[in-house]
């Protein structure tokens, strides 16, 4: 077993016995003040959704809220105003993981790829992500995705290029893993119906699986989180206490083990209810109006 794999096993989780909800809120505030590696950035405000053209003003307003607490931000698209996110992030001195959103619409895919390449050549991209969960959604074939990755790598020889998907896809699809410069893995114990008592252990297993598939390549957890409201999924129960427990455990684990982790998400997004049910609106550390939730 590799040294990296051994280190994954060391963290044993925070002992929550006897801790009140206010105790957890206080730990949350201290951890946020200390600073996080990264956050998935949400710019959509109430009444907005993908397709809404974002303004630089609203992007800057929300960036100002999270910037004191993070080193990196992750964006998901390079069109419809989303291309301004990494530009604004640079104004705040932040590093960027910039994604081109790929789907079934080939014309939009071309716009996304062109936007990503343009941003990277202009110096606004530290890591380029070509697609997000398109294998999971079956929006593209493996051959189509590999072609997009190859095009971006050829255009950006000095920028690390990867693809974002659920952690297990990198074991199941070795050609994609081989094509990537680094592995960008989404790890969600909640979406696998895991009880909160075992969630931090489960994310360790997810990370280890991605690490094993990666070989010597760098592995980043590009998404993980826990909702504070909504209907349960199996043994996974959304609540303020569970959201805090998960956040505290994974942040402490990632910091202790030197794991790069982007928490999902920065702000609540009500538009996600359409695809994820009521729980989809409550993944943020801040609410949809920009107020910190766990205070």
Foldseek 3Di string as FASTA:
>chain_A
DDPLLVLLPPDDADDCPPPDLVNLLVLVVVLQQVAFAAFEDDQDFPPDDPVAQDDLVSLLVLCVLRLNHYQEYEYADQDSNSVCNLVSCVVSVHAYEYEHADFQDVVSLVVRLVRQLVCVVVPSHQAYAYHAACVVVVRDDPVVSLVSLVVSCVSCVPHFYAYEHALCVLVVDVVRLVSGQAAEHAAEPQVVQHALVCRLVRSSVSQVSSVVSNPPGHYAHEEYFAFQDDCGDNNRDHHSVSRSSVVSGVRVSCVVSVHHYYYPHAEFDCVCCVPPNPSNRGGHCAYSVGHGDSD
